[in-house]
């Protein structure tokens, strides 16, 4: 959501799985999680799958009552795509809707009713990223807004918000699904405005829909930090900066923890001086 990648969150599994972080503590945390997952699978706990049709029908009734997919996701702790998969085809292809689900997922979704759900504000991360992705393929905000419940001015303000109404999130998600595979020129956007939109997105490193397709579910995850347009050297500079600041170790020690040479860290700092640290060098 920002032009520059922030130091990675070394307290989540995405640090290991998505950023390929190999700090010893991060590797150990992933291995503990993987062992726990294996034990649970061996005991049969997550392997109990049931027919998804009762959940699908329940969700359709919720939607008819004005409950949005985002509201259900926020209430259950499931991702937007996980909830959506029961009633819609997957993004980017025509694969069928979900046919089975675990008993745990079933229980979470069936527990949601119009009487016990709050349809107010939710995290804006996924909504903002969808707008940014459409800009990245050439759609200006003024061409996205008519496909949503927002005005052009509100669409611009949306990019700065921390939370949005669940209804707004669903409206933008529908617009994203409609436009993500379409050419802006075929919607009346001239070359100059297409170029202006793509340049704005490139300057801010806003990922395209194709990028989000490669990371299913990540678009709504505020803990997932996209590495779109970020080089390996910049990542090392940021990680070395974080290690040295938080632990006080030397540049050589930080390099060893990252699995690179001290010279590599020095080159990384030279190319990205905004992260350079000379203390304890």
C-alpha atoms as a PDB file:
ATOM      1  CA  UNK A   1       0.000   0.000   0.000  1.00  0.00           C
ATOM      2  CA  UNK A   2       3.047   2.243   0.233  1.00  0.00           C
ATOM      3  CA  UNK A   3       5.664   3.190  -2.306  1.00  0.00           C
ATOM      4  CA  UNK A   4       8.458   1.581  -0.315  1.00  0.00           C
ATOM      5  CA  UNK A   5       8.449  -1.800   1.332  1.00  0.00           C
ATOM      6  CA  UNK A   6       8.669  -1.630   5.111  1.00  0.00           C
ATOM      7  CA  UNK A   7      10.822  -3.999   7.172  1.00  0.00           C
ATOM      8  CA  UNK A   8       9.155  -7.432   7.130  1.00  0.00           C
ATOM      9  CA  UNK A   9       6.960  -8.656   9.922  1.00  0.00           C
ATOM     10  CA  UNK A  10       9.109 -11.339  11.500  1.00  0.00           C
ATOM     11  CA  UNK A  11       6.258 -12.511  13.717  1.00  0.00           C
ATOM     12  CA  UNK A  12       4.115 -14.136  11.017  1.00  0.00           C
ATOM     13  CA  UNK A  13       4.462 -17.199   8.812  1.00  0.00           C
ATOM     14  CA  UNK A  14       4.359 -15.037   5.666  1.00  0.00           C
ATOM     15  CA  UNK A  15       7.869 -13.895   6.575  1.00  0.00           C
ATOM     16  CA  UNK A  16       9.046 -17.450   5.790  1.00  0.00           C
ATOM     17  CA  UNK A  17       6.554 -18.538   3.127  1.00  0.00           C
ATOM     18  CA  UNK A  18       6.253 -15.390   1.013  1.00  0.00           C
ATOM     19  CA  UNK A  19       9.447 -13.431   1.649  1.00  0.00           C
ATOM     20  CA  UNK A  20      11.753 -16.479   1.869  1.00  0.00           C
ATOM     21  CA  UNK A  21      13.156 -15.187   5.125  1.00  0.00           C
ATOM     22  CA  UNK A  22      15.570 -17.681   6.670  1.00  0.00           C
ATOM     23  CA  UNK A  23      16.397 -16.090   9.995  1.00  0.00           C
ATOM     24  CA  UNK A  24      16.814 -18.968  12.489  1.00  0.00           C
ATOM     25  CA  UNK A  25      13.895 -17.851  14.646  1.00  0.00           C
ATOM     26  CA  UNK A  26      11.635 -17.535  11.624  1.00  0.00           C
ATOM     27  CA  UNK A  27      12.603 -20.986  10.330  1.00  0.00           C
ATOM     28  CA  UNK A  28      11.960 -22.447  13.787  1.00  0.00           C
ATOM     29  CA  UNK A  29       8.537 -20.782  13.992  1.00  0.00           C
ATOM     30  CA  UNK A  30       7.558 -22.213  10.601  1.00  0.00           C
ATOM     31  CA  UNK A  31       8.773 -25.686  11.539  1.00  0.00           C
ATOM     32  CA  UNK A  32       6.763 -25.604  14.768  1.00  0.00           C
ATOM     33  CA  UNK A  33       3.664 -24.616  12.825  1.00  0.00           C
ATOM     34  CA  UNK A  34       4.298 -27.324  10.214  1.00  0.00           C
ATOM     35  CA  UNK A  35       4.751 -29.997  12.888  1.00  0.00           C
ATOM     36  CA  UNK A  36       1.529 -28.933  14.600  1.00  0.00           C
ATOM     37  CA  UNK A  37      -0.285 -29.020  11.261  1.00  0.00           C
ATOM     38  CA  UNK A  38       1.069 -32.505  10.536  1.00  0.00           C
ATOM     39  CA  UNK A  39       0.003 -33.798  13.957  1.00  0.00           C
ATOM     40  CA  UNK A  40      -3.469 -32.365  13.496  1.00  0.00           C
ATOM     41  CA  UNK A  41      -3.731 -33.949  10.056  1.00  0.00           C
ATOM     42  CA  UNK A  42      -2.537 -37.315  11.376  1.00  0.00           C
ATOM     43  CA  UNK A  43      -5.194 -37.212  14.078  1.00  0.00           C
ATOM     44  CA  UNK A  44      -7.885 -36.614  11.489  1.00  0.00           C
ATOM     45  CA  UNK A  45      -9.011 -33.271  12.906  1.00  0.00           C
ATOM     46  CA  UNK A  46      -8.781 -31.144   9.740  1.00  0.00           C
ATOM     47  CA  UNK A  47      -9.527 -34.044   7.384  1.00  0.00           C
ATOM     48  CA  UNK A  48     -13.228 -34.203   8.131  1.00  0.00           C
ATOM     49  CA  UNK A  49     -14.778 -32.806   4.975  1.00  0.00           C
ATOM     50  CA  UNK A  50     -18.492 -32.412   4.381  1.00  0.00           C
ATOM     51  CA  UNK A  51     -20.716 -31.337   1.506  1.00  0.00           C
ATOM     52  CA  UNK A  52     -20.534 -27.569   0.962  1.00  0.00           C
ATOM     53  CA  UNK A  53     -24.100 -27.211  -0.336  1.00  0.00           C
ATOM     54  CA  UNK A  54     -25.705 -26.391   3.061  1.00  0.00           C
ATOM     55  CA  UNK A  55     -23.121 -23.645   3.572  1.00  0.00           C
ATOM     56  CA  UNK A  56     -23.703 -22.329   0.045  1.00  0.00           C
ATOM     57  CA  UNK A  57     -27.442 -22.075   0.572  1.00  0.00           C
ATOM     58  CA  UNK A  58     -26.921 -20.415   3.947  1.00  0.00           C
ATOM     59  CA  UNK A  59     -24.612 -17.817   2.422  1.00  0.00           C
ATOM     60  CA  UNK A  60     -27.046 -17.088  -0.399  1.00  0.00           C
ATOM     61  CA  UNK A  61     -29.725 -16.346   2.204  1.00  0.00           C
ATOM     62  CA  UNK A  62     -27.327 -14.013   4.014  1.00  0.00           C
ATOM     63  CA  UNK A  63     -26.532 -12.169   0.791  1.00  0.00           C
ATOM     64  CA  UNK A  64     -30.234 -11.836   0.027  1.00  0.00           C
ATOM     65  CA  UNK A  65     -30.649 -10.264   3.465  1.00  0.00           C
ATOM     66  CA  UNK A  66     -28.043  -7.646   2.598  1.00  0.00           C
ATOM     67  CA  UNK A  67     -25.065  -9.289   4.307  1.00  0.00           C
ATOM     68  CA  UNK A  68     -21.946  -8.905   2.152  1.00  0.00           C
ATOM     69  CA  UNK A  69     -19.135 -11.386   1.547  1.00  0.00           C
ATOM     70  CA  UNK A  70     -16.710  -9.050   3.302  1.00  0.00           C
ATOM     71  CA  UNK A  71     -18.982  -8.822   6.334  1.00  0.00           C
ATOM     72  CA  UNK A  72     -19.132 -12.621   6.588  1.00  0.00           C
ATOM     73  CA  UNK A  73     -15.355 -12.861   6.176  1.00  0.00           C
ATOM     74  CA  UNK A  74     -14.782 -10.289   8.911  1.00  0.00           C
ATOM     75  CA  UNK A  75     -17.191 -12.066  11.262  1.00  0.00           C
ATOM     76  CA  UNK A  76     -15.666 -15.531  10.783  1.00  0.00           C
ATOM     77  CA  UNK A  77     -11.989 -14.700  10.398  1.00  0.00           C
ATOM     78  CA  UNK A  78     -11.962 -16.402   6.990  1.00  0.00           C
ATOM     79  CA  UNK A  79     -10.543 -14.679   3.924  1.00  0.00           C
ATOM     80  CA  UNK A  80     -12.759 -12.923   1.406  1.00  0.00           C
ATOM     81  CA  UNK A  81     -11.817 -15.478  -1.261  1.00  0.00           C
ATOM     82  CA  UNK A  82     -12.537 -18.406   1.055  1.00  0.00           C
ATOM     83  CA  UNK A  83     -16.091 -17.186   1.658  1.00  0.00           C
ATOM     84  CA  UNK A  84     -16.601 -16.174  -1.964  1.00  0.00           C
ATOM     85  CA  UNK A  85     -15.547 -19.609  -3.234  1.00  0.00           C
ATOM     86  CA  UNK A  86     -18.791 -21.160  -1.954  1.00  0.00           C
ATOM     87  CA  UNK A  87     -21.012 -19.081  -4.209  1.00  0.00           C
ATOM     88  CA  UNK A  88     -18.799 -17.768  -7.031  1.00  0.00           C
ATOM     89  CA  UNK A  89     -16.279 -19.094  -9.514  1.00  0.00           C
ATOM     90  CA  UNK A  90     -12.643 -18.421  -8.683  1.00  0.00           C
ATOM     91  CA  UNK A  91     -11.013 -15.233  -9.914  1.00  0.00           C
ATOM     92  CA  UNK A  92      -9.165 -15.581 -13.196  1.00  0.00           C
ATOM     93  CA  UNK A  93     -10.727 -18.865 -14.313  1.00  0.00           C
ATOM     94  CA  UNK A  94     -13.986 -20.728 -14.582  1.00  0.00           C
ATOM     95  CA  UNK A  95     -13.335 -23.437 -12.031  1.00  0.00           C
ATOM     96  CA  UNK A  96     -16.414 -24.617 -10.192  1.00  0.00           C
ATOM     97  CA  UNK A  97     -17.475 -23.353  -6.822  1.00  0.00           C
ATOM     98  CA  UNK A  98     -16.330 -25.143  -3.695  1.00  0.00           C
ATOM     99  CA  UNK A  99     -17.894 -28.558  -3.313  1.00  0.00           C
ATOM    100  CA  UNK A 100     -16.567 -29.562   0.120  1.00  0.00           C
ATOM    101  CA  UNK A 101     -15.335 -27.860   3.261  1.00  0.00           C
ATOM    102  CA  UNK A 102     -14.073 -28.823   6.691  1.00  0.00           C
ATOM    103  CA  UNK A 103     -16.453 -29.160   9.587  1.00  0.00           C
ATOM    104  CA  UNK A 104     -14.666 -26.258  11.280  1.00  0.00           C
ATOM    105  CA  UNK A 105     -15.294 -23.938   8.334  1.00  0.00           C
ATOM    106  CA  UNK A 106     -18.871 -25.156   8.083  1.00  0.00           C
ATOM    107  CA  UNK A 107     -19.516 -24.385  11.745  1.00  0.00           C
ATOM    108  CA  UNK A 108     -18.064 -20.873  11.453  1.00  0.00           C
ATOM    109  CA  UNK A 109     -20.190 -19.961   8.449  1.00  0.00           C
ATOM    110  CA  UNK A 110     -23.438 -21.532   9.625  1.00  0.00           C
ATOM    111  CA  UNK A 111     -23.077 -19.647  12.911  1.00  0.00           C
ATOM    112  CA  UNK A 112     -23.419 -16.333  11.068  1.00  0.00           C
ATOM    113  CA  UNK A 113     -26.954 -14.955  11.003  1.00  0.00           C
ATOM    114  CA  UNK A 114     -28.443 -11.540  10.208  1.00  0.00           C
ATOM    115  CA  UNK A 115     -29.058 -11.131  13.939  1.00  0.00           C
ATOM    116  CA  UNK A 116     -25.505 -11.684  15.146  1.00  0.00           C
ATOM    117  CA  UNK A 117     -23.413 -10.044  12.460  1.00  0.00           C
ATOM    118  CA  UNK A 118     -22.133  -6.485  12.373  1.00  0.00           C
ATOM    119  CA  UNK A 119     -22.246  -5.010   8.885  1.00  0.00           C
ATOM    120  CA  UNK A 120     -20.246  -1.902   9.719  1.00  0.00           C
ATOM    121  CA  UNK A 121     -16.649  -1.055   8.912  1.00  0.00           C
ATOM    122  CA  UNK A 122     -13.878  -3.509   8.031  1.00  0.00           C
ATOM    123  CA  UNK A 123     -10.173  -3.282   7.215  1.00  0.00           C
ATOM    124  CA  UNK A 124      -9.584  -1.367   3.965  1.00  0.00           C
ATOM    125  CA  UNK A 125      -6.489  -3.249   2.800  1.00  0.00           C
ATOM    126  CA  UNK A 126      -8.127  -5.466   0.184  1.00  0.00           C
ATOM    127  CA  UNK A 127     -10.374  -2.703  -1.105  1.00  0.00           C
ATOM    128  CA  UNK A 128      -7.473  -0.314  -1.621  1.00  0.00           C
ATOM    129  CA  UNK A 129      -5.353  -2.994  -3.273  1.00  0.00           C
ATOM    130  CA  UNK A 130      -8.117  -3.814  -5.748  1.00  0.00           C
ATOM    131  CA  UNK A 131      -8.418  -0.174  -6.784  1.00  0.00           C
ATOM    132  CA  UNK A 132      -4.639   0.120  -7.078  1.00  0.00           C
ATOM    133  CA  UNK A 133      -4.479  -3.033  -9.208  1.00  0.00           C
ATOM    134  CA  UNK A 134      -7.028  -1.632 -11.662  1.00  0.00           C
ATOM    135  CA  UNK A 135      -5.035   1.606 -11.886  1.00  0.00           C
ATOM    136  CA  UNK A 136      -1.939  -0.507 -12.560  1.00  0.00           C
ATOM    137  CA  UNK A 137      -3.518  -1.931 -15.737  1.00  0.00           C
ATOM    138  CA  UNK A 138      -4.590   1.501 -16.961  1.00  0.00           C
ATOM    139  CA  UNK A 139      -7.959   2.353 -15.410  1.00  0.00           C
ATOM    140  CA  UNK A 140      -8.040   5.907 -13.955  1.00  0.00           C
ATOM    141  CA  UNK A 141     -10.032   6.373 -10.751  1.00  0.00           C
ATOM    142  CA  UNK A 142     -12.747   8.255 -12.620  1.00  0.00           C
ATOM    143  CA  UNK A 143     -13.350   5.169 -14.775  1.00  0.00           C
ATOM    144  CA  UNK A 144     -13.435   2.794 -11.815  1.00  0.00           C
ATOM    145  CA  UNK A 145     -15.796   4.853  -9.649  1.00  0.00           C
ATOM    146  CA  UNK A 146     -18.928   4.450 -11.871  1.00  0.00           C
ATOM    147  CA  UNK A 147     -18.735   0.681 -11.332  1.00  0.00           C
ATOM    148  CA  UNK A 148     -18.894   1.152  -7.554  1.00  0.00           C
ATOM    149  CA  UNK A 149     -21.065   2.974  -5.021  1.00  0.00           C
ATOM    150  CA  UNK A 150     -18.402   5.685  -4.717  1.00  0.00           C
ATOM    151  CA  UNK A 151     -17.996   9.058  -6.370  1.00  0.00           C
ATOM    152  CA  UNK A 152     -14.672   9.961  -7.991  1.00  0.00           C
ATOM    153  CA  UNK A 153     -13.759  12.146  -4.994  1.00  0.00           C
ATOM    154  CA  UNK A 154     -14.618   9.377  -2.554  1.00  0.00           C
ATOM    155  CA  UNK A 155     -12.649   6.901  -4.632  1.00  0.00           C
ATOM    156  CA  UNK A 156      -9.553   9.091  -4.315  1.00  0.00           C
ATOM    157  CA  UNK A 157     -10.080   9.510  -0.558  1.00  0.00           C
ATOM    158  CA  UNK A 158     -10.511   5.746  -0.222  1.00  0.00           C
ATOM    159  CA  UNK A 159      -6.815   5.203  -0.937  1.00  0.00           C
ATOM    160  CA  UNK A 160      -5.970   6.908   2.369  1.00  0.00           C
ATOM    161  CA  UNK A 161      -8.477   5.116   4.594  1.00  0.00           C
ATOM    162  CA  UNK A 162      -7.822   2.467   7.220  1.00  0.00           C
ATOM    163  CA  UNK A 163     -11.349   1.058   7.240  1.00  0.00           C
ATOM    164  CA  UNK A 164     -14.315   1.005   4.839  1.00  0.00           C
ATOM    165  CA  UNK A 165     -17.938  -0.008   5.005  1.00  0.00           C
ATOM    166  CA  UNK A 166     -18.447  -3.687   4.209  1.00  0.00           C
ATOM    167  CA  UNK A 167     -20.864  -2.644   1.461  1.00  0.00           C
ATOM    168  CA  UNK A 168     -18.168  -0.445  -0.090  1.00  0.00           C
ATOM    169  CA  UNK A 169     -15.670  -3.305   0.042  1.00  0.00           C
ATOM    170  CA  UNK A 170     -18.092  -5.612  -1.760  1.00  0.00           C
ATOM    171  CA  UNK A 171     -18.900  -2.946  -4.344  1.00  0.00           C
ATOM    172  CA  UNK A 172     -15.218  -2.432  -5.154  1.00  0.00           C
ATOM    173  CA  UNK A 173     -14.630  -6.197  -5.226  1.00  0.00           C
ATOM    174  CA  UNK A 174     -17.414  -6.563  -7.803  1.00  0.00           C
ATOM    175  CA  UNK A 175     -15.885  -3.777  -9.909  1.00  0.00           C
ATOM    176  CA  UNK A 176     -12.506  -5.456  -9.658  1.00  0.00           C
ATOM    177  CA  UNK A 177     -13.947  -8.753 -10.867  1.00  0.00           C
ATOM    178  CA  UNK A 178     -15.658  -6.974 -13.755  1.00  0.00           C
ATOM    179  CA  UNK A 179     -12.666  -4.958 -14.963  1.00  0.00           C
ATOM    180  CA  UNK A 180      -9.588  -6.959 -14.002  1.00  0.00           C
ATOM    181  CA  UNK A 181      -9.386  -8.855 -17.318  1.00  0.00           C
ATOM    182  CA  UNK A 182     -10.568  -6.042 -19.570  1.00  0.00           C
ATOM    183  CA  UNK A 183      -8.672  -3.530 -21.673  1.00  0.00           C
ATOM    184  CA  UNK A 184      -9.093   0.120 -20.572  1.00  0.00           C
ATOM    185  CA  UNK A 185      -9.066   1.257 -24.224  1.00  0.00           C
ATOM    186  CA  UNK A 186     -12.201  -0.779 -24.880  1.00  0.00           C
ATOM    187  CA  UNK A 187     -13.915   1.148 -22.100  1.00  0.00           C
ATOM    188  CA  UNK A 188     -13.210   4.501 -23.684  1.00  0.00           C
ATOM    189  CA  UNK A 189     -10.006   5.323 -21.806  1.00  0.00           C
ATOM    190  CA  UNK A 190      -7.613   7.163 -24.121  1.00  0.00           C
ATOM    191  CA  UNK A 191      -3.894   6.351 -24.382  1.00  0.00           C
ATOM    192  CA  UNK A 192      -2.818   9.410 -22.422  1.00  0.00           C
ATOM    193  CA  UNK A 193      -4.943   8.534 -19.399  1.00  0.00           C
ATOM    194  CA  UNK A 194      -3.942   4.877 -19.605  1.00  0.00           C
ATOM    195  CA  UNK A 195      -0.295   5.932 -19.567  1.00  0.00           C
ATOM    196  CA  UNK A 196      -0.892   8.338 -16.690  1.00  0.00           C
ATOM    197  CA  UNK A 197      -2.586   5.615 -14.637  1.00  0.00           C
ATOM    198  CA  UNK A 198       0.084   2.977 -15.250  1.00  0.00           C
ATOM    199  CA  UNK A 199       2.892   5.441 -14.490  1.00  0.00           C
ATOM    200  CA  UNK A 200       1.232   6.407 -11.212  1.00  0.00           C
ATOM    201  CA  UNK A 201       0.926   2.759 -10.246  1.00  0.00           C
ATOM    202  CA  UNK A 202       4.510   1.988 -11.238  1.00  0.00           C
ATOM    203  CA  UNK A 203       5.833   4.926  -9.200  1.00  0.00           C
ATOM    204  CA  UNK A 204       4.016   3.589  -6.132  1.00  0.00           C
ATOM    205  CA  UNK A 205       4.722  -0.084  -6.864  1.00  0.00           C
ATOM    206  CA  UNK A 206       1.066  -1.020  -6.983  1.00  0.00           C
ATOM    207  CA  UNK A 207       0.759  -4.698  -7.993  1.00  0.00           C
ATOM    208  CA  UNK A 208      -1.360  -5.734 -10.963  1.00  0.00           C
ATOM    209  CA  UNK A 209      -4.217  -8.274 -10.833  1.00  0.00           C
ATOM    210  CA  UNK A 210      -1.821 -10.852 -12.279  1.00  0.00           C
ATOM    211  CA  UNK A 211       0.446 -10.443  -9.258  1.00  0.00           C
ATOM    212  CA  UNK A 212      -2.449 -10.994  -6.844  1.00  0.00           C
ATOM    213  CA  UNK A 213      -3.519 -14.069  -8.823  1.00  0.00           C
ATOM    214  CA  UNK A 214      -0.180 -15.616  -7.910  1.00  0.00           C
ATOM    215  CA  UNK A 215      -0.883 -15.037  -4.203  1.00  0.00           C
ATOM    216  CA  UNK A 216      -4.417 -16.376  -3.566  1.00  0.00           C
ATOM    217  CA  UNK A 217      -6.047 -14.754  -0.553  1.00  0.00           C
ATOM    218  CA  UNK A 218      -3.180 -12.317   0.023  1.00  0.00           C
ATOM    219  CA  UNK A 219      -4.947  -9.285  -1.423  1.00  0.00           C
ATOM    220  CA  UNK A 220      -7.103  -8.975   1.715  1.00  0.00           C
ATOM    221  CA  UNK A 221      -4.338  -9.869   4.170  1.00  0.00           C
ATOM    222  CA  UNK A 222      -2.928  -6.738   5.872  1.00  0.00           C
ATOM    223  CA  UNK A 223       0.046  -8.793   7.109  1.00  0.00           C
ATOM    224  CA  UNK A 224       1.018  -9.748   3.557  1.00  0.00           C
ATOM    225  CA  UNK A 225       3.470  -7.236   2.163  1.00  0.00           C
ATOM    226  CA  UNK A 226       3.702  -7.407  -1.651  1.00  0.00           C
ATOM    227  CA  UNK A 227       7.205  -7.493  -3.069  1.00  0.00           C
ATOM    228  CA  UNK A 228       6.075  -6.114  -6.403  1.00  0.00           C
ATOM    229  CA  UNK A 229       8.883  -4.119  -8.012  1.00  0.00           C
ATOM    230  CA  UNK A 230      11.248  -4.722  -5.092  1.00  0.00           C
ATOM    231  CA  UNK A 231      14.722  -6.097  -5.865  1.00  0.00           C
ATOM    232  CA  UNK A 232      16.573  -8.724  -3.876  1.00  0.00           C
ATOM    233  CA  UNK A 233      19.229  -6.158  -2.959  1.00  0.00           C
ATOM    234  CA  UNK A 234      16.644  -3.766  -1.536  1.00  0.00           C
ATOM    235  CA  UNK A 235      15.127  -6.564   0.531  1.00  0.00           C
ATOM    236  CA  UNK A 236      18.552  -7.382   1.978  1.00  0.00           C
ATOM    237  CA  UNK A 237      19.156  -3.697   2.767  1.00  0.00           C
ATOM    238  CA  UNK A 238      15.848  -3.460   4.620  1.00  0.00           C
ATOM    239  CA  UNK A 239      16.297  -6.748   6.468  1.00  0.00           C
ATOM    240  CA  UNK A 240      19.862  -5.924   7.471  1.00  0.00           C
ATOM    241  CA  UNK A 241      18.681  -2.519   8.687  1.00  0.00           C
ATOM    242  CA  UNK A 242      15.974  -4.186  10.780  1.00  0.00           C
ATOM    243  CA  UNK A 243      18.342  -6.778  12.285  1.00  0.00           C
ATOM    244  CA  UNK A 244      21.024  -4.221  13.166  1.00  0.00           C
ATOM    245  CA  UNK A 245      18.544  -1.763  14.702  1.00  0.00           C
ATOM    246  CA  UNK A 246      16.614  -4.300  16.750  1.00  0.00           C
ATOM    247  CA  UNK A 247      19.525  -6.454  17.952  1.00  0.00           C
ATOM    248  CA  UNK A 248      22.525  -4.112  17.803  1.00  0.00           C
ATOM    249  CA  UNK A 249      24.666  -6.640  15.940  1.00  0.00           C
ATOM    250  CA  UNK A 250      27.377  -5.767  13.439  1.00  0.00           C
ATOM    251  CA  UNK A 251      26.991  -5.597   9.693  1.00  0.00           C
ATOM    252  CA  UNK A 252      28.902  -8.865   9.323  1.00  0.00           C
ATOM    253  CA  UNK A 253      26.634 -10.644  11.811  1.00  0.00           C
ATOM    254  CA  UNK A 254      23.516  -9.319  10.090  1.00  0.00           C
ATOM    255  CA  UNK A 255      24.884 -10.555   6.769  1.00  0.00           C
ATOM    256  CA  UNK A 256      25.537 -14.007   8.209  1.00  0.00           C
ATOM    257  CA  UNK A 257      21.982 -14.219   9.545  1.00  0.00           C
ATOM    258  CA  UNK A 258      20.660 -13.305   6.116  1.00  0.00           C
ATOM    259  CA  UNK A 259      22.876 -15.821   4.363  1.00  0.00           C
ATOM    260  CA  UNK A 260      24.823 -13.252   2.347  1.00  0.00           C
ATOM    261  CA  UNK A 261      28.293 -11.753   2.535  1.00  0.00           C
ATOM    262  CA  UNK A 262      29.157  -8.553   4.365  1.00  0.00           C
ATOM    263  CA  UNK A 263      30.130  -7.068   0.998  1.00  0.00           C
ATOM    264  CA  UNK A 264      26.632  -7.813  -0.330  1.00  0.00           C
ATOM    265  CA  UNK A 265      25.079  -5.918   2.568  1.00  0.00           C
ATOM    266  CA  UNK A 266      27.443  -3.009   1.978  1.00  0.00           C
ATOM    267  CA  UNK A 267      26.496  -2.910  -1.715  1.00  0.00           C
ATOM    268  CA  UNK A 268      22.830  -3.113  -0.749  1.00  0.00           C
ATOM    269  CA  UNK A 269      23.231  -0.154   1.597  1.00  0.00           C
ATOM    270  CA  UNK A 270      25.095   1.766  -1.100  1.00  0.00           C
ATOM    271  CA  UNK A 271      22.279   1.216  -3.608  1.00  0.00           C
ATOM    272  CA  UNK A 272      19.608   2.000  -1.015  1.00  0.00           C
ATOM    273  CA  UNK A 273      21.148   4.573   1.341  1.00  0.00           C
ATOM    274  CA  UNK A 274      17.798   5.230   3.031  1.00  0.00           C
ATOM    275  CA  UNK A 275      18.336   1.927   4.893  1.00  0.00           C
ATOM    276  CA  UNK A 276      22.076   2.237   5.496  1.00  0.00           C
ATOM    277  CA  UNK A 277      23.347   1.980   9.054  1.00  0.00           C
ATOM    278  CA  UNK A 278      26.907   2.700  10.047  1.00  0.00           C
ATOM    279  CA  UNK A 279      26.501   1.957  13.751  1.00  0.00           C
ATOM    280  CA  UNK A 280      28.161  -1.266  14.865  1.00  0.00           C
ATOM    281  CA  UNK A 281      29.449  -1.625  11.306  1.00  0.00           C
END
